[in-house]
């Protein structure tokens, strides 16, 4: 199957899976329900598939953002489960080349930074600490994170491409003057 077909299948199956998950989540009316309160769920509610954003497909799973949280669903379909739900928004999740780690953009401390976490979930590990926001593009074939930012350019509108280790460290700029939304392919033999 092509990636486009998988993403279409994902939107359908994930919306069905989220509908099943919505039965387990308490309904909140006017923000009055305290956290952890037992409130009857609205079983007729089915989330709109348009709210499922930024899907990425691995060999076994699909990760996506729903309501600013990360969710995973088996590639063949099924019930979606939440992966991370810390306070703040997550976006642009991407599977590592080996499929064991997910990198994403998190806005937890007033700035968009890169984070990683295992596909099983857990506490996100912060990778970047720059004063400007970063946007994750993809993983490189050698397991580094590829992203763009305007934090080092000198001009607000000028985006530059960088790579950094998935565990953090100093960024390395790519040998292009500016760019965004990039991907690096494997070298051909």
N, C-alpha and C. Protein backbone atom coordinates (compact mmCIF):
# COMPACT_ATOMS: atom_id res chain seq x y z
N UNK A 1 0.83 -1.18 0.00
CA UNK A 1 0.00 0.00 0.00
C UNK A 1 0.87 1.24 0.00
N UNK A 2 0.38 2.30 -0.61
CA UNK A 2 1.13 3.54 -0.60
C UNK A 2 0.90 4.25 0.73
N UNK A 3 1.76 5.21 1.03
CA UNK A 3 1.65 5.95 2.28
C UNK A 3 0.33 6.74 2.32
N UNK A 4 -0.10 7.27 1.16
CA UNK A 4 -1.35 8.02 1.11
C UNK A 4 -2.54 7.13 1.46
N UNK A 5 -2.54 5.90 0.91
CA UNK A 5 -3.62 4.96 1.21
C UNK A 5 -3.60 4.59 2.69
N UNK A 6 -2.40 4.39 3.25
CA UNK A 6 -2.31 4.06 4.67
C UNK A 6 -2.81 5.20 5.54
N UNK A 7 -2.51 6.44 5.15
CA UNK A 7 -2.99 7.58 5.93
C UNK A 7 -4.50 7.69 5.87
N UNK A 8 -5.10 7.40 4.70
CA UNK A 8 -6.56 7.42 4.60
C UNK A 8 -7.17 6.33 5.46
N UNK A 9 -6.59 5.13 5.40
CA UNK A 9 -7.05 4.04 6.24
C UNK A 9 -6.89 4.39 7.71
N UNK A 10 -5.79 5.04 8.03
CA UNK A 10 -5.52 5.48 9.40
C UNK A 10 -6.61 6.41 9.90
N UNK A 11 -6.98 7.41 9.10
CA UNK A 11 -7.99 8.37 9.54
C UNK A 11 -9.30 7.68 9.86
N UNK A 12 -9.68 6.69 9.05
CA UNK A 12 -10.91 5.97 9.31
C UNK A 12 -10.79 5.10 10.56
N UNK A 13 -9.74 4.28 10.62
CA UNK A 13 -9.61 3.36 11.75
C UNK A 13 -9.33 4.08 13.05
N UNK A 14 -8.56 5.16 12.99
CA UNK A 14 -8.25 5.89 14.22
C UNK A 14 -9.49 6.60 14.75
N UNK A 15 -10.33 7.13 13.85
CA UNK A 15 -11.53 7.78 14.34
C UNK A 15 -12.46 6.77 15.00
N UNK A 16 -12.49 5.54 14.48
CA UNK A 16 -13.27 4.49 15.13
C UNK A 16 -12.66 4.13 16.47
N UNK A 17 -11.34 4.04 16.52
CA UNK A 17 -10.66 3.71 17.77
C UNK A 17 -10.82 4.79 18.81
N UNK A 18 -10.77 6.06 18.39
CA UNK A 18 -10.96 7.15 19.34
C UNK A 18 -12.39 7.18 19.85
N UNK A 19 -13.33 6.78 19.02
CA UNK A 19 -14.71 6.72 19.49
C UNK A 19 -14.82 5.70 20.61
N UNK A 20 -14.11 4.59 20.48
CA UNK A 20 -14.12 3.59 21.55
C UNK A 20 -13.43 4.13 22.79
N UNK A 21 -12.35 4.89 22.60
CA UNK A 21 -11.65 5.47 23.75
C UNK A 21 -12.49 6.55 24.42
N UNK A 22 -13.30 7.26 23.62
CA UNK A 22 -14.12 8.32 24.19
C UNK A 22 -15.11 7.77 25.20
N UNK A 23 -15.46 6.49 25.08
CA UNK A 23 -16.37 5.90 26.05
C UNK A 23 -15.71 5.79 27.42
N UNK A 24 -14.39 5.71 27.47
CA UNK A 24 -13.67 5.60 28.73
C UNK A 24 -13.32 6.95 29.33
N UNK A 25 -13.37 8.03 28.54
CA UNK A 25 -13.00 9.36 29.04
C UNK A 25 -14.23 10.02 29.64
N UNK A 26 -14.06 10.71 30.78
CA UNK A 26 -15.20 11.43 31.35
C UNK A 26 -15.57 12.64 30.51
N UNK A 27 -16.85 12.90 30.41
CA UNK A 27 -17.31 14.07 29.69
C UNK A 27 -17.09 15.29 30.58
N UNK A 28 -16.69 16.40 30.00
CA UNK A 28 -16.46 17.63 30.75
C UNK A 28 -17.42 18.67 30.20
N UNK A 29 -18.24 19.22 31.08
CA UNK A 29 -19.19 20.24 30.68
C UNK A 29 -18.82 21.56 31.33
N UNK A 30 -18.62 22.57 30.50
CA UNK A 30 -18.26 23.92 30.95
C UNK A 30 -17.02 23.91 31.83
N UNK A 31 -16.15 22.95 31.66
CA UNK A 31 -14.90 22.88 32.42
C UNK A 31 -15.11 22.66 33.91
N UNK A 32 -16.33 22.23 34.32
CA UNK A 32 -16.65 22.12 35.73
C UNK A 32 -16.21 20.80 36.36
N UNK A 33 -15.99 19.78 35.57
CA UNK A 33 -15.64 18.48 36.15
C UNK A 33 -14.19 18.50 36.61
N UNK A 34 -13.94 18.22 37.89
CA UNK A 34 -12.56 18.19 38.36
C UNK A 34 -11.81 17.02 37.76
N UNK A 35 -10.48 17.17 37.68
CA UNK A 35 -9.64 16.10 37.12
C UNK A 35 -9.83 14.84 37.94
N UNK A 36 -10.05 13.70 37.26
CA UNK A 36 -10.19 12.42 37.93
C UNK A 36 -11.61 12.14 38.42
N UNK A 37 -12.54 13.08 38.20
CA UNK A 37 -13.91 12.86 38.67
C UNK A 37 -14.61 11.85 37.77
N UNK A 38 -15.44 11.02 38.36
CA UNK A 38 -16.19 10.02 37.61
C UNK A 38 -17.44 10.69 37.05
N UNK A 39 -17.49 10.85 35.75
CA UNK A 39 -18.62 11.47 35.09
C UNK A 39 -19.04 10.52 33.97
N UNK A 40 -20.33 10.38 33.76
CA UNK A 40 -20.83 9.48 32.72
C UNK A 40 -20.36 9.94 31.35
N UNK A 41 -19.87 9.02 30.55
CA UNK A 41 -19.37 9.33 29.22
C UNK A 41 -20.52 9.39 28.23
N UNK A 42 -20.37 10.23 27.23
CA UNK A 42 -21.35 10.36 26.17
C UNK A 42 -20.97 9.37 25.08
N UNK A 43 -21.64 8.23 25.03
CA UNK A 43 -21.27 7.16 24.08
C UNK A 43 -21.68 7.49 22.66
N UNK A 44 -22.50 8.52 22.45
CA UNK A 44 -22.90 8.87 21.10
C UNK A 44 -21.88 9.79 20.44
N UNK A 45 -20.89 10.26 21.19
CA UNK A 45 -19.87 11.16 20.65
C UNK A 45 -18.84 10.39 19.84
N UNK A 46 -18.58 10.85 18.66
CA UNK A 46 -17.54 10.26 17.80
C UNK A 46 -16.67 11.41 17.30
N UNK A 47 -15.37 11.38 17.61
CA UNK A 47 -14.52 12.50 17.21
C UNK A 47 -14.45 12.65 15.70
N UNK A 48 -14.36 13.87 15.27
CA UNK A 48 -14.25 14.17 13.86
C UNK A 48 -12.86 13.79 13.37
N UNK A 49 -12.78 13.06 12.26
CA UNK A 49 -11.49 12.60 11.73
C UNK A 49 -10.59 13.75 11.33
N UNK A 50 -11.16 14.93 11.10
CA UNK A 50 -10.35 16.10 10.76
C UNK A 50 -9.48 16.57 11.91
N UNK A 51 -9.77 16.10 13.11
CA UNK A 51 -8.96 16.48 14.27
C UNK A 51 -7.75 15.57 14.43
N UNK A 52 -7.64 14.52 13.62
CA UNK A 52 -6.51 13.61 13.67
C UNK A 52 -5.45 14.18 12.74
N UNK A 53 -4.32 14.63 13.32
CA UNK A 53 -3.35 15.38 12.53
C UNK A 53 -1.96 14.75 12.60
N UNK A 54 -1.16 15.07 11.62
CA UNK A 54 0.27 14.73 11.54
C UNK A 54 0.55 13.23 11.67
N UNK A 55 -0.09 12.37 10.91
CA UNK A 55 0.18 10.93 11.04
C UNK A 55 1.56 10.56 10.52
N UNK A 56 2.17 9.55 11.14
CA UNK A 56 3.40 8.94 10.64
C UNK A 56 3.24 7.43 10.77
N UNK A 57 3.72 6.70 9.78
CA UNK A 57 3.51 5.26 9.71
C UNK A 57 4.83 4.53 9.89
N UNK A 58 4.85 3.54 10.79
CA UNK A 58 6.01 2.66 10.94
C UNK A 58 5.61 1.28 10.43
N UNK A 59 6.47 0.30 10.62
CA UNK A 59 6.16 -1.06 10.18
C UNK A 59 4.99 -1.66 10.96
N UNK A 60 4.80 -1.24 12.22
CA UNK A 60 3.79 -1.85 13.08
C UNK A 60 2.67 -0.90 13.52
N UNK A 61 2.96 0.42 13.59
CA UNK A 61 2.00 1.35 14.18
C UNK A 61 1.88 2.63 13.38
N UNK A 62 0.87 3.39 13.75
CA UNK A 62 0.68 4.75 13.23
C UNK A 62 0.59 5.66 14.45
N UNK A 63 1.34 6.74 14.43
CA UNK A 63 1.27 7.73 15.50
C UNK A 63 0.64 8.98 14.91
N UNK A 64 -0.16 9.69 15.70
CA UNK A 64 -0.81 10.89 15.23
C UNK A 64 -1.13 11.78 16.43
N UNK A 65 -1.54 13.00 16.13
CA UNK A 65 -1.93 13.95 17.17
C UNK A 65 -3.44 14.09 17.13
N UNK A 66 -4.05 13.98 18.29
CA UNK A 66 -5.49 14.21 18.43
C UNK A 66 -5.67 15.06 19.69
N UNK A 67 -6.33 16.21 19.56
CA UNK A 67 -6.56 17.11 20.69
C UNK A 67 -5.25 17.48 21.38
N UNK A 68 -4.23 17.74 20.57
CA UNK A 68 -2.90 18.16 21.04
C UNK A 68 -2.19 17.11 21.88
N UNK A 69 -2.56 15.85 21.77
CA UNK A 69 -1.89 14.75 22.46
C UNK A 69 -1.47 13.70 21.43
N UNK A 70 -0.44 12.92 21.77
CA UNK A 70 0.02 11.85 20.88
C UNK A 70 -0.78 10.58 21.13
N UNK A 71 -1.16 9.91 20.05
CA UNK A 71 -1.90 8.66 20.10
C UNK A 71 -1.23 7.67 19.15
N UNK A 72 -1.34 6.39 19.43
CA UNK A 72 -0.86 5.34 18.53
C UNK A 72 -1.99 4.35 18.27
N UNK A 73 -1.94 3.77 17.08
CA UNK A 73 -2.93 2.76 16.69
C UNK A 73 -2.18 1.71 15.87
N UNK A 74 -2.54 0.43 15.99
CA UNK A 74 -1.89 -0.57 15.15
C UNK A 74 -2.08 -0.24 13.67
N UNK A 75 -1.10 -0.55 12.88
CA UNK A 75 -1.14 -0.24 11.44
C UNK A 75 -2.32 -0.91 10.76
N UNK A 76 -2.71 -2.09 11.21
CA UNK A 76 -3.83 -2.79 10.58
C UNK A 76 -5.18 -2.27 11.08
N UNK A 77 -5.18 -1.31 12.00
CA UNK A 77 -6.42 -0.75 12.54
C UNK A 77 -6.67 -1.25 13.95
N UNK A 78 -7.64 -0.68 14.61
CA UNK A 78 -7.96 -1.07 15.97
C UNK A 78 -8.20 0.14 16.84
N UNK A 79 -8.06 -0.05 18.13
CA UNK A 79 -8.33 1.00 19.09
C UNK A 79 -7.08 1.84 19.29
N UNK A 80 -7.22 3.14 19.16
CA UNK A 80 -6.12 4.07 19.40
C UNK A 80 -5.93 4.26 20.89
N UNK A 81 -4.67 4.35 21.31
CA UNK A 81 -4.37 4.57 22.72
C UNK A 81 -3.51 5.81 22.87
N UNK A 82 -3.72 6.56 23.95
CA UNK A 82 -2.91 7.76 24.15
C UNK A 82 -1.48 7.39 24.51
N UNK A 83 -0.53 8.13 23.96
CA UNK A 83 0.88 7.88 24.22
C UNK A 83 1.43 8.89 25.21
N UNK A 84 1.08 10.15 25.03
CA UNK A 84 1.56 11.20 25.92
C UNK A 84 0.47 12.25 26.07
N UNK A 85 0.33 12.75 27.28
CA UNK A 85 -0.66 13.78 27.53
C UNK A 85 -0.18 14.75 28.61
N UNK A 86 1.07 15.20 28.52
CA UNK A 86 1.51 16.20 29.50
C UNK A 86 0.86 17.54 29.17
N UNK A 87 0.88 18.48 30.12
CA UNK A 87 0.30 19.80 29.82
C UNK A 87 1.10 20.48 28.72
N UNK A 88 0.43 20.89 27.68
CA UNK A 88 1.09 21.49 26.53
C UNK A 88 0.73 20.73 25.28
N UNK A 89 1.06 21.32 24.15
CA UNK A 89 0.69 20.72 22.86
C UNK A 89 1.84 19.92 22.27
N UNK A 90 1.50 18.81 21.60
CA UNK A 90 2.47 18.01 20.85
C UNK A 90 2.09 18.09 19.37
N UNK A 91 3.10 18.02 18.50
CA UNK A 91 2.84 18.03 17.06
C UNK A 91 3.99 17.36 16.32
N UNK A 92 3.76 17.06 15.07
CA UNK A 92 4.74 16.49 14.14
C UNK A 92 5.46 15.24 14.66
N UNK A 93 4.75 14.23 15.13
CA UNK A 93 5.45 13.01 15.58
C UNK A 93 6.04 12.24 14.40
N UNK A 94 7.22 11.66 14.63
CA UNK A 94 7.90 10.87 13.61
C UNK A 94 8.56 9.66 14.25
N UNK A 95 8.37 8.49 13.64
CA UNK A 95 9.03 7.27 14.11
C UNK A 95 10.50 7.29 13.72
N UNK A 96 11.34 6.75 14.60
CA UNK A 96 12.76 6.57 14.29
C UNK A 96 12.89 5.50 13.21
N UNK A 97 14.04 5.43 12.52
CA UNK A 97 14.20 4.41 11.48
C UNK A 97 13.98 2.98 11.98
N UNK A 98 14.31 2.70 13.24
CA UNK A 98 14.10 1.34 13.78
C UNK A 98 12.70 1.16 14.36
N UNK A 99 11.89 2.23 14.41
CA UNK A 99 10.52 2.14 14.89
C UNK A 99 10.36 2.06 16.39
N UNK A 100 11.43 2.25 17.17
CA UNK A 100 11.33 2.11 18.63
C UNK A 100 11.18 3.43 19.38
N UNK A 101 11.42 4.54 18.70
CA UNK A 101 11.36 5.84 19.35
C UNK A 101 10.52 6.79 18.51
N UNK A 102 9.82 7.68 19.18
CA UNK A 102 9.05 8.71 18.49
C UNK A 102 9.64 10.06 18.88
N UNK A 103 9.96 10.86 17.88
CA UNK A 103 10.38 12.24 18.11
C UNK A 103 9.19 13.13 17.77
N UNK A 104 9.09 14.26 18.46
CA UNK A 104 7.97 15.16 18.22
C UNK A 104 8.32 16.56 18.73
N UNK A 105 7.49 17.52 18.37
CA UNK A 105 7.62 18.88 18.86
C UNK A 105 6.67 19.02 20.04
N UNK A 106 7.20 19.48 21.17
CA UNK A 106 6.37 19.72 22.35
C UNK A 106 6.48 21.16 22.79
N UNK A 107 5.37 21.72 23.21
CA UNK A 107 5.36 23.09 23.72
C UNK A 107 4.98 23.01 25.20
N UNK A 108 5.96 22.71 26.03
CA UNK A 108 5.72 22.50 27.46
C UNK A 108 6.19 23.66 28.32
N UNK A 109 7.18 24.40 27.86
CA UNK A 109 7.75 25.47 28.69
C UNK A 109 7.73 26.80 27.96
N UNK A 110 6.67 27.03 27.16
CA UNK A 110 6.51 28.29 26.48
C UNK A 110 7.24 28.40 25.16
N UNK A 111 7.79 27.29 24.68
CA UNK A 111 8.55 27.31 23.44
C UNK A 111 8.45 25.93 22.78
N UNK A 112 8.48 25.89 21.47
CA UNK A 112 8.44 24.61 20.75
C UNK A 112 9.85 24.01 20.72
N UNK A 113 10.04 22.88 21.37
CA UNK A 113 11.31 22.18 21.38
C UNK A 113 11.10 20.75 20.93
N UNK A 114 12.20 20.06 20.59
CA UNK A 114 12.12 18.67 20.17
C UNK A 114 12.23 17.75 21.37
N UNK A 115 11.44 16.68 21.36
CA UNK A 115 11.42 15.69 22.43
C UNK A 115 11.43 14.30 21.79
N UNK A 116 11.86 13.31 22.54
CA UNK A 116 11.77 11.91 22.12
C UNK A 116 11.15 11.10 23.25
N UNK A 117 10.58 9.97 22.89
CA UNK A 117 10.05 9.02 23.88
C UNK A 117 9.91 7.66 23.22
N UNK A 118 9.97 6.59 24.03
CA UNK A 118 9.78 5.25 23.46
C UNK A 118 8.34 5.07 22.94
N UNK A 119 8.15 4.18 21.98
CA UNK A 119 6.80 3.97 21.43
C UNK A 119 5.84 3.40 22.46
N UNK A 120 6.37 2.82 23.53
CA UNK A 120 5.52 2.31 24.60
C UNK A 120 4.99 3.43 25.49
N UNK A 121 5.51 4.63 25.35
CA UNK A 121 5.11 5.75 26.18
C UNK A 121 6.15 6.03 27.24
N UNK A 122 5.82 6.92 28.14
CA UNK A 122 6.75 7.29 29.20
C UNK A 122 6.92 8.80 29.25
N UNK A 123 7.94 9.22 29.96
CA UNK A 123 8.21 10.64 30.12
C UNK A 123 9.04 11.12 28.94
N UNK A 124 8.59 12.18 28.24
CA UNK A 124 9.35 12.69 27.11
C UNK A 124 10.72 13.22 27.54
N UNK A 125 11.73 13.01 26.71
CA UNK A 125 13.07 13.52 26.94
C UNK A 125 13.29 14.72 26.04
N UNK A 126 13.64 15.84 26.65
CA UNK A 126 13.86 17.06 25.88
C UNK A 126 15.19 16.97 25.16
N UNK A 127 15.20 17.33 23.87
CA UNK A 127 16.40 17.24 23.04
C UNK A 127 16.99 18.62 22.78
N UNK A 128 16.17 19.62 22.48
CA UNK A 128 16.67 20.96 22.17
C UNK A 128 16.27 21.96 23.25
N UNK A 129 17.08 23.00 23.37
CA UNK A 129 16.88 24.04 24.38
C UNK A 129 17.08 25.43 23.78
N UNK A 130 16.69 25.64 22.55
CA UNK A 130 16.95 26.90 21.87
C UNK A 130 15.89 27.93 22.22
N UNK A 131 16.24 29.22 22.14
CA UNK A 131 15.26 30.27 22.46
C UNK A 131 14.17 30.41 21.40
N UNK A 132 14.43 29.98 20.17
CA UNK A 132 13.41 30.02 19.12
C UNK A 132 12.77 28.65 19.00
N UNK A 133 11.62 28.59 18.39
CA UNK A 133 10.93 27.31 18.23
C UNK A 133 11.52 26.49 17.09
N UNK A 134 11.53 25.17 17.27
CA UNK A 134 11.98 24.25 16.23
C UNK A 134 10.78 23.49 15.67
N UNK A 135 10.90 23.07 14.43
CA UNK A 135 9.88 22.23 13.81
C UNK A 135 10.57 20.99 13.27
N UNK A 136 10.14 19.82 13.74
CA UNK A 136 10.73 18.56 13.33
C UNK A 136 10.34 18.23 11.89
N UNK A 137 11.32 17.87 11.09
CA UNK A 137 11.06 17.41 9.72
C UNK A 137 10.99 15.89 9.68
N UNK A 138 12.07 15.22 10.17
CA UNK A 138 12.15 13.78 10.05
C UNK A 138 13.38 13.30 10.79
N UNK A 139 13.59 12.00 10.78
CA UNK A 139 14.83 11.39 11.24
C UNK A 139 15.75 11.25 10.04
N UNK A 140 17.05 11.33 10.26
CA UNK A 140 18.00 11.05 9.20
C UNK A 140 18.24 9.54 9.18
N UNK A 141 18.77 8.99 8.10
CA UNK A 141 19.03 7.54 8.05
C UNK A 141 19.96 7.05 9.16
N UNK A 142 20.85 7.93 9.65
CA UNK A 142 21.78 7.52 10.71
C UNK A 142 21.24 7.79 12.12
N UNK A 143 19.94 8.11 12.25
CA UNK A 143 19.31 8.23 13.56
C UNK A 143 19.38 9.59 14.22
N UNK A 144 19.68 10.64 13.47
CA UNK A 144 19.66 12.00 14.02
C UNK A 144 18.32 12.65 13.70
N UNK A 145 18.02 13.74 14.40
CA UNK A 145 16.79 14.48 14.15
C UNK A 145 17.09 15.61 13.18
N UNK A 146 16.25 15.76 12.17
CA UNK A 146 16.36 16.83 11.19
C UNK A 146 15.24 17.82 11.48
N UNK A 147 15.60 19.08 11.65
CA UNK A 147 14.59 20.09 11.96
C UNK A 147 14.96 21.43 11.34
N UNK A 148 14.00 22.36 11.37
CA UNK A 148 14.30 23.71 10.92
C UNK A 148 13.90 24.70 11.99
N UNK A 149 14.61 25.83 12.00
CA UNK A 149 14.36 26.90 12.94
C UNK A 149 14.87 28.20 12.36
N UNK A 150 14.41 29.31 12.90
CA UNK A 150 14.94 30.61 12.52
C UNK A 150 15.79 31.20 13.65
N UNK A 151 16.07 30.40 14.66
CA UNK A 151 16.77 30.88 15.85
C UNK A 151 18.21 31.28 15.65
N UNK A 152 18.85 30.82 14.57
CA UNK A 152 20.25 31.13 14.35
C UNK A 152 20.46 31.97 13.09
N UNK A 153 19.40 32.33 12.40
CA UNK A 153 19.50 32.95 11.09
C UNK A 153 19.77 34.45 11.12
N UNK A 154 19.36 35.12 12.15
CA UNK A 154 19.49 36.57 12.17
C UNK A 154 18.27 37.28 11.64
N UNK A 155 17.48 36.61 10.82
CA UNK A 155 16.25 37.17 10.29
C UNK A 155 15.09 36.27 10.71
N UNK A 156 14.02 36.88 11.16
CA UNK A 156 12.86 36.13 11.63
C UNK A 156 12.27 35.22 10.55
N UNK A 157 12.29 35.68 9.30
CA UNK A 157 11.65 34.92 8.22
C UNK A 157 12.56 33.89 7.56
N UNK A 158 13.82 33.85 7.93
CA UNK A 158 14.78 32.95 7.29
C UNK A 158 14.94 31.66 8.09
N UNK A 159 14.44 30.56 7.56
CA UNK A 159 14.54 29.26 8.21
C UNK A 159 15.81 28.54 7.75
N UNK A 160 16.44 27.83 8.68
CA UNK A 160 17.63 27.06 8.37
C UNK A 160 17.43 25.63 8.85
N UNK A 161 18.10 24.69 8.18
CA UNK A 161 18.00 23.27 8.50
C UNK A 161 19.17 22.82 9.36
N UNK A 162 18.86 21.97 10.36
CA UNK A 162 19.87 21.47 11.29
C UNK A 162 19.61 19.99 11.57
N UNK A 163 20.64 19.31 12.03
CA UNK A 163 20.50 17.97 12.59
C UNK A 163 21.07 18.01 14.00
N UNK A 164 20.58 17.11 14.84
CA UNK A 164 21.11 16.96 16.19
C UNK A 164 20.92 15.52 16.62
N UNK A 165 21.69 15.10 17.59
CA UNK A 165 21.55 13.75 18.12
C UNK A 165 20.19 13.60 18.79
N UNK A 166 19.64 12.41 18.76
CA UNK A 166 18.34 12.16 19.39
C UNK A 166 18.42 12.26 20.91
N UNK A 167 19.63 12.27 21.45
CA UNK A 167 19.81 12.42 22.90
C UNK A 167 20.16 13.84 23.28
N UNK A 168 20.28 14.74 22.32
CA UNK A 168 20.60 16.13 22.58
C UNK A 168 22.02 16.47 22.16
N UNK A 169 22.40 17.69 22.40
CA UNK A 169 23.73 18.16 22.02
C UNK A 169 23.63 19.35 21.09
N UNK A 170 24.79 19.78 20.60
CA UNK A 170 24.84 20.94 19.72
C UNK A 170 24.32 20.59 18.33
N UNK A 171 23.58 21.51 17.70
CA UNK A 171 23.08 21.25 16.36
C UNK A 171 24.18 21.43 15.31
N UNK A 172 24.00 20.76 14.19
CA UNK A 172 24.89 20.89 13.03
C UNK A 172 24.05 21.42 11.88
N UNK A 173 24.48 22.54 11.30
CA UNK A 173 23.71 23.09 10.18
C UNK A 173 23.99 22.30 8.91
N UNK A 174 22.97 22.19 8.07
CA UNK A 174 23.13 21.54 6.78
C UNK A 174 23.76 22.54 5.81
N UNK A 175 24.48 22.06 4.81
CA UNK A 175 25.19 22.96 3.89
C UNK A 175 24.28 23.58 2.82
N UNK A 176 23.19 24.18 3.27
CA UNK A 176 22.30 24.95 2.40
C UNK A 176 22.03 26.26 3.11
N UNK A 177 21.87 27.37 2.38
CA UNK A 177 21.71 28.66 3.07
C UNK A 177 20.42 28.79 3.88
N UNK A 178 19.34 28.20 3.39
CA UNK A 178 18.07 28.23 4.11
C UNK A 178 17.19 27.11 3.61
N UNK A 179 16.17 26.75 4.38
CA UNK A 179 15.26 25.70 3.97
C UNK A 179 14.36 25.28 5.10
N UNK A 180 13.34 24.49 4.76
CA UNK A 180 12.38 23.97 5.72
C UNK A 180 11.73 22.73 5.13
N UNK A 181 11.09 21.94 5.98
CA UNK A 181 10.35 20.74 5.56
C UNK A 181 11.19 19.82 4.67
N UNK A 182 12.32 19.43 5.17
CA UNK A 182 13.27 18.62 4.39
C UNK A 182 13.23 17.16 4.80
N UNK A 183 13.88 16.34 4.01
CA UNK A 183 14.09 14.93 4.30
C UNK A 183 15.40 14.52 3.67
N UNK A 184 16.12 13.61 4.29
CA UNK A 184 17.39 13.13 3.76
C UNK A 184 17.23 11.64 3.47
N UNK A 185 17.53 11.25 2.25
CA UNK A 185 17.40 9.85 1.87
C UNK A 185 18.70 9.11 2.14
N UNK A 186 18.61 7.80 2.13
CA UNK A 186 19.80 6.97 2.27
C UNK A 186 20.66 7.12 1.03
N UNK A 187 21.98 7.02 1.21
CA UNK A 187 22.88 7.07 0.07
C UNK A 187 22.73 5.79 -0.74
N UNK A 188 22.68 5.91 -2.04
CA UNK A 188 22.55 4.73 -2.89
C UNK A 188 23.92 4.06 -3.03
N UNK A 189 23.94 2.73 -3.12
CA UNK A 189 25.23 2.02 -3.19
C UNK A 189 25.99 2.27 -4.47
